[in-house]
């Protein structure tokens, strides 16, 4: 159970790097874009599962404000996914990276 937080931190860092890469790289081949999309989708799924486990663990052991902050970070991809359009994709990607950074700081504290 103590390995969940370090693994969640690693997955969080990988998600931040992956989403940052999307902002600056222009994919030429659709195949590469699809492969990278699978990487991002898998990474976000792992992020949600691991962060959910961390929230449950923290809420059982010592409920505090960090559980609420992490819960908001879990909800953020769904809210952003509902609001995003193709024209505003980069703006919402930056917002998602900010939520990943907030959850990373919360996990490190």
N, C-alpha and C. Protein backbone atom coordinates (compact mmCIF):
# COMPACT_ATOMS: atom_id res chain seq x y z
N UNK A 1 0.81 -1.19 0.00
CA UNK A 1 0.00 0.00 0.00
C UNK A 1 0.86 1.26 0.00
N UNK A 2 2.06 1.17 0.54
CA UNK A 2 2.93 2.34 0.58
C UNK A 2 3.55 2.64 -0.79
N UNK A 3 3.46 1.71 -1.73
CA UNK A 3 3.99 1.94 -3.06
C UNK A 3 3.04 2.75 -3.93
N UNK A 4 1.82 2.93 -3.51
CA UNK A 4 0.84 3.62 -4.34
C UNK A 4 1.23 5.08 -4.55
N UNK A 5 1.66 5.76 -3.51
CA UNK A 5 1.98 7.18 -3.64
C UNK A 5 3.19 7.41 -4.55
N UNK A 6 4.30 6.67 -4.41
CA UNK A 6 5.42 6.87 -5.35
C UNK A 6 5.04 6.53 -6.80
N UNK A 7 4.25 5.49 -6.99
CA UNK A 7 3.82 5.16 -8.35
C UNK A 7 2.90 6.24 -8.90
N UNK A 8 2.02 6.77 -8.06
CA UNK A 8 1.13 7.86 -8.48
C UNK A 8 1.94 9.10 -8.85
N UNK A 9 3.00 9.39 -8.11
CA UNK A 9 3.86 10.53 -8.43
C UNK A 9 4.54 10.31 -9.78
N UNK A 10 5.03 9.10 -10.02
CA UNK A 10 5.68 8.80 -11.30
C UNK A 10 4.70 8.93 -12.46
N UNK A 11 3.50 8.38 -12.32
CA UNK A 11 2.49 8.47 -13.38
C UNK A 11 2.08 9.92 -13.60
N UNK A 12 2.00 10.67 -12.53
CA UNK A 12 1.66 12.10 -12.62
C UNK A 12 2.73 12.85 -13.40
N UNK A 13 3.99 12.59 -13.11
CA UNK A 13 5.08 13.23 -13.85
C UNK A 13 5.05 12.84 -15.32
N UNK A 14 4.79 11.55 -15.60
CA UNK A 14 4.71 11.09 -16.98
C UNK A 14 3.57 11.78 -17.72
N UNK A 15 2.45 12.01 -17.04
CA UNK A 15 1.32 12.70 -17.66
C UNK A 15 1.65 14.16 -17.94
N UNK A 16 2.34 14.80 -17.02
CA UNK A 16 2.73 16.20 -17.23
C UNK A 16 3.67 16.31 -18.43
N UNK A 17 4.65 15.42 -18.50
CA UNK A 17 5.59 15.44 -19.63
C UNK A 17 4.86 15.15 -20.93
N UNK A 18 3.98 14.17 -20.93
CA UNK A 18 3.24 13.81 -22.14
C UNK A 18 2.35 14.93 -22.63
N UNK A 19 1.60 15.54 -21.74
CA UNK A 19 0.72 16.63 -22.14
C UNK A 19 1.52 17.87 -22.56
N UNK A 20 2.65 18.11 -21.94
CA UNK A 20 3.50 19.23 -22.35
C UNK A 20 4.08 18.98 -23.73
N UNK A 21 4.40 17.73 -24.02
CA UNK A 21 4.93 17.37 -25.33
C UNK A 21 3.89 17.66 -26.41
N UNK A 22 2.63 17.39 -26.13
CA UNK A 22 1.55 17.63 -27.09
C UNK A 22 1.44 19.11 -27.43
N UNK A 23 1.70 19.97 -26.47
CA UNK A 23 1.59 21.41 -26.72
C UNK A 23 2.61 21.92 -27.72
N UNK A 24 3.81 21.32 -27.72
CA UNK A 24 4.90 21.88 -28.51
C UNK A 24 5.24 21.09 -29.77
N UNK A 25 4.72 19.87 -29.90
CA UNK A 25 5.07 19.03 -31.05
C UNK A 25 3.89 18.98 -32.01
N UNK A 26 4.19 19.17 -33.29
CA UNK A 26 3.16 19.08 -34.32
C UNK A 26 3.34 17.73 -35.03
N UNK A 27 2.39 16.84 -34.84
CA UNK A 27 2.48 15.51 -35.43
C UNK A 27 2.24 15.58 -36.93
N UNK A 28 3.14 14.96 -37.70
CA UNK A 28 3.04 14.94 -39.15
C UNK A 28 2.26 13.70 -39.59
N UNK A 29 2.59 12.57 -39.03
CA UNK A 29 1.96 11.31 -39.42
C UNK A 29 0.81 10.99 -38.46
N UNK A 30 -0.35 10.66 -38.99
CA UNK A 30 -1.49 10.32 -38.13
C UNK A 30 -1.24 9.08 -37.27
N UNK A 31 -0.41 8.16 -37.75
CA UNK A 31 -0.12 6.95 -36.98
C UNK A 31 0.61 7.30 -35.69
N UNK A 32 1.56 8.21 -35.77
CA UNK A 32 2.29 8.63 -34.57
C UNK A 32 1.38 9.37 -33.60
N UNK A 33 0.47 10.17 -34.14
CA UNK A 33 -0.48 10.89 -33.29
C UNK A 33 -1.41 9.92 -32.58
N UNK A 34 -1.83 8.87 -33.28
CA UNK A 34 -2.71 7.86 -32.67
C UNK A 34 -1.97 7.09 -31.57
N UNK A 35 -0.73 6.72 -31.81
CA UNK A 35 0.05 6.00 -30.80
C UNK A 35 0.24 6.88 -29.57
N UNK A 36 0.53 8.14 -29.78
CA UNK A 36 0.71 9.05 -28.65
C UNK A 36 -0.61 9.27 -27.92
N UNK A 37 -1.71 9.29 -28.65
CA UNK A 37 -3.03 9.41 -28.03
C UNK A 37 -3.33 8.23 -27.12
N UNK A 38 -2.93 7.01 -27.56
CA UNK A 38 -3.10 5.83 -26.70
C UNK A 38 -2.26 5.95 -25.43
N UNK A 39 -1.05 6.48 -25.58
CA UNK A 39 -0.17 6.67 -24.42
C UNK A 39 -0.82 7.63 -23.42
N UNK A 40 -1.34 8.75 -23.92
CA UNK A 40 -1.97 9.75 -23.05
C UNK A 40 -3.21 9.17 -22.38
N UNK A 41 -4.03 8.44 -23.15
CA UNK A 41 -5.26 7.86 -22.59
C UNK A 41 -4.93 6.84 -21.50
N UNK A 42 -3.95 5.98 -21.75
CA UNK A 42 -3.54 5.01 -20.74
C UNK A 42 -2.96 5.67 -19.51
N UNK A 43 -2.19 6.72 -19.73
CA UNK A 43 -1.57 7.43 -18.62
C UNK A 43 -2.63 8.12 -17.76
N UNK A 44 -3.60 8.75 -18.38
CA UNK A 44 -4.65 9.42 -17.62
C UNK A 44 -5.50 8.40 -16.88
N UNK A 45 -5.76 7.23 -17.50
CA UNK A 45 -6.51 6.19 -16.80
C UNK A 45 -5.76 5.71 -15.56
N UNK A 46 -4.45 5.45 -15.70
CA UNK A 46 -3.64 5.06 -14.54
C UNK A 46 -3.63 6.16 -13.48
N UNK A 47 -3.53 7.40 -13.92
CA UNK A 47 -3.55 8.54 -13.01
C UNK A 47 -4.83 8.56 -12.20
N UNK A 48 -5.97 8.38 -12.86
CA UNK A 48 -7.26 8.42 -12.17
C UNK A 48 -7.39 7.27 -11.17
N UNK A 49 -6.98 6.07 -11.57
CA UNK A 49 -7.08 4.91 -10.68
C UNK A 49 -6.16 5.08 -9.47
N UNK A 50 -4.91 5.44 -9.72
CA UNK A 50 -3.95 5.57 -8.61
C UNK A 50 -4.32 6.73 -7.69
N UNK A 51 -4.75 7.83 -8.26
CA UNK A 51 -5.14 8.95 -7.41
C UNK A 51 -6.39 8.62 -6.61
N UNK A 52 -7.29 7.84 -7.19
CA UNK A 52 -8.46 7.37 -6.44
C UNK A 52 -8.05 6.50 -5.27
N UNK A 53 -7.09 5.61 -5.48
CA UNK A 53 -6.59 4.76 -4.39
C UNK A 53 -5.91 5.59 -3.30
N UNK A 54 -5.16 6.61 -3.72
CA UNK A 54 -4.51 7.49 -2.74
C UNK A 54 -5.56 8.24 -1.93
N UNK A 55 -6.61 8.71 -2.58
CA UNK A 55 -7.67 9.43 -1.87
C UNK A 55 -8.34 8.51 -0.85
N UNK A 56 -8.66 7.30 -1.26
CA UNK A 56 -9.30 6.35 -0.34
C UNK A 56 -8.38 6.07 0.84
N UNK A 57 -7.08 5.86 0.56
CA UNK A 57 -6.12 5.57 1.63
C UNK A 57 -6.01 6.75 2.60
N UNK A 58 -5.87 7.95 2.05
CA UNK A 58 -5.73 9.13 2.90
C UNK A 58 -7.01 9.43 3.67
N UNK A 59 -8.15 9.21 3.05
CA UNK A 59 -9.41 9.50 3.71
C UNK A 59 -9.65 8.54 4.88
N UNK A 60 -9.21 7.28 4.73
CA UNK A 60 -9.36 6.31 5.81
C UNK A 60 -8.37 6.59 6.94
N UNK A 61 -7.10 6.86 6.59
CA UNK A 61 -6.07 7.04 7.61
C UNK A 61 -6.17 8.40 8.30
N UNK A 62 -6.22 9.46 7.53
CA UNK A 62 -6.26 10.81 8.12
C UNK A 62 -6.96 11.76 7.15
N UNK A 63 -8.27 11.88 7.27
CA UNK A 63 -8.99 12.78 6.37
C UNK A 63 -8.58 14.23 6.59
N UNK A 64 -8.24 14.90 5.49
CA UNK A 64 -7.87 16.30 5.56
C UNK A 64 -8.18 16.98 4.23
N UNK A 65 -7.73 18.20 4.06
CA UNK A 65 -8.04 18.98 2.88
C UNK A 65 -7.39 18.40 1.61
N UNK A 66 -6.30 17.69 1.75
CA UNK A 66 -5.64 17.13 0.57
C UNK A 66 -6.53 16.13 -0.16
N UNK A 67 -7.38 15.42 0.56
CA UNK A 67 -8.32 14.49 -0.09
C UNK A 67 -9.28 15.25 -1.00
N UNK A 68 -9.74 16.41 -0.55
CA UNK A 68 -10.66 17.23 -1.34
C UNK A 68 -9.96 17.78 -2.58
N UNK A 69 -8.72 18.23 -2.44
CA UNK A 69 -7.96 18.77 -3.56
C UNK A 69 -7.72 17.67 -4.59
N UNK A 70 -7.32 16.48 -4.14
CA UNK A 70 -7.09 15.38 -5.06
C UNK A 70 -8.38 14.93 -5.73
N UNK A 71 -9.50 14.99 -5.03
CA UNK A 71 -10.79 14.65 -5.64
C UNK A 71 -11.13 15.64 -6.75
N UNK A 72 -10.84 16.91 -6.55
CA UNK A 72 -11.07 17.89 -7.61
C UNK A 72 -10.17 17.62 -8.81
N UNK A 73 -8.95 17.14 -8.55
CA UNK A 73 -8.05 16.81 -9.65
C UNK A 73 -8.53 15.59 -10.42
N UNK A 74 -9.22 14.67 -9.75
CA UNK A 74 -9.77 13.50 -10.44
C UNK A 74 -10.97 13.92 -11.31
N UNK A 75 -11.76 14.84 -10.83
CA UNK A 75 -12.95 15.27 -11.56
C UNK A 75 -12.57 16.15 -12.76
N UNK A 76 -11.45 16.84 -12.70
CA UNK A 76 -11.08 17.83 -13.72
C UNK A 76 -11.03 17.28 -15.15
N UNK A 77 -10.49 16.07 -15.43
CA UNK A 77 -10.50 15.61 -16.83
C UNK A 77 -11.91 15.45 -17.41
N UNK A 78 -12.86 15.08 -16.57
CA UNK A 78 -14.22 14.90 -17.04
C UNK A 78 -14.90 16.24 -17.32
N UNK A 79 -14.66 17.21 -16.46
CA UNK A 79 -15.23 18.55 -16.68
C UNK A 79 -14.59 19.19 -17.91
N UNK A 80 -13.28 19.09 -18.01
CA UNK A 80 -12.58 19.66 -19.15
C UNK A 80 -13.01 18.96 -20.43
N UNK A 81 -13.17 17.65 -20.40
CA UNK A 81 -13.61 16.91 -21.57
C UNK A 81 -14.99 17.32 -22.04
N UNK A 82 -15.83 17.73 -21.13
CA UNK A 82 -17.17 18.19 -21.48
C UNK A 82 -17.13 19.58 -22.12
N UNK A 83 -16.17 20.41 -21.74
CA UNK A 83 -16.11 21.80 -22.20
C UNK A 83 -15.28 22.01 -23.46
N UNK A 84 -14.32 21.14 -23.72
CA UNK A 84 -13.33 21.39 -24.76
C UNK A 84 -13.93 21.24 -26.16
N UNK A 85 -13.45 22.11 -27.05
CA UNK A 85 -13.74 22.02 -28.48
C UNK A 85 -12.39 22.01 -29.18
N UNK A 86 -12.39 21.69 -30.45
CA UNK A 86 -11.13 21.59 -31.17
C UNK A 86 -10.38 22.93 -31.17
N UNK A 87 -11.12 24.03 -31.23
CA UNK A 87 -10.49 25.35 -31.28
C UNK A 87 -9.83 25.73 -29.95
N UNK A 88 -10.32 25.19 -28.84
CA UNK A 88 -9.81 25.56 -27.52
C UNK A 88 -8.98 24.44 -26.88
N UNK A 89 -8.53 23.51 -27.69
CA UNK A 89 -7.83 22.33 -27.17
C UNK A 89 -6.56 22.68 -26.42
N UNK A 90 -5.75 23.58 -26.96
CA UNK A 90 -4.48 23.92 -26.30
C UNK A 90 -4.73 24.62 -24.96
N UNK A 91 -5.73 25.48 -24.90
CA UNK A 91 -6.03 26.19 -23.65
C UNK A 91 -6.42 25.19 -22.56
N UNK A 92 -7.28 24.25 -22.89
CA UNK A 92 -7.71 23.28 -21.90
C UNK A 92 -6.62 22.26 -21.58
N UNK A 93 -5.71 22.03 -22.51
CA UNK A 93 -4.56 21.18 -22.20
C UNK A 93 -3.67 21.85 -21.15
N UNK A 94 -3.49 23.13 -21.27
CA UNK A 94 -2.71 23.88 -20.26
C UNK A 94 -3.42 23.82 -18.90
N UNK A 95 -4.73 23.96 -18.90
CA UNK A 95 -5.48 23.88 -17.64
C UNK A 95 -5.34 22.48 -17.03
N UNK A 96 -5.37 21.44 -17.87
CA UNK A 96 -5.21 20.08 -17.36
C UNK A 96 -3.81 19.87 -16.78
N UNK A 97 -2.80 20.44 -17.43
CA UNK A 97 -1.43 20.35 -16.90
C UNK A 97 -1.35 21.04 -15.54
N UNK A 98 -2.04 22.15 -15.38
CA UNK A 98 -2.06 22.85 -14.09
C UNK A 98 -2.68 21.96 -13.02
N UNK A 99 -3.77 21.25 -13.36
CA UNK A 99 -4.37 20.33 -12.39
C UNK A 99 -3.43 19.18 -12.06
N UNK A 100 -2.68 18.68 -13.05
CA UNK A 100 -1.70 17.63 -12.77
C UNK A 100 -0.61 18.14 -11.83
N UNK A 101 -0.17 19.37 -12.03
CA UNK A 101 0.86 19.95 -11.17
C UNK A 101 0.32 20.14 -9.75
N UNK A 102 -0.93 20.59 -9.63
CA UNK A 102 -1.54 20.75 -8.31
C UNK A 102 -1.60 19.41 -7.58
N UNK A 103 -2.00 18.35 -8.30
CA UNK A 103 -2.07 17.03 -7.65
C UNK A 103 -0.67 16.52 -7.32
N UNK A 104 0.32 16.83 -8.15
CA UNK A 104 1.69 16.41 -7.85
C UNK A 104 2.20 17.09 -6.59
N UNK A 105 1.96 18.38 -6.46
CA UNK A 105 2.38 19.10 -5.26
C UNK A 105 1.66 18.56 -4.03
N UNK A 106 0.38 18.27 -4.18
CA UNK A 106 -0.39 17.71 -3.05
C UNK A 106 0.15 16.34 -2.65
N UNK A 107 0.51 15.52 -3.63
CA UNK A 107 1.08 14.20 -3.31
C UNK A 107 2.45 14.32 -2.64
N UNK A 108 3.22 15.30 -3.03
CA UNK A 108 4.56 15.46 -2.46
C UNK A 108 4.52 16.03 -1.05
N UNK A 109 3.45 16.72 -0.70
CA UNK A 109 3.34 17.31 0.65
C UNK A 109 2.94 16.29 1.62
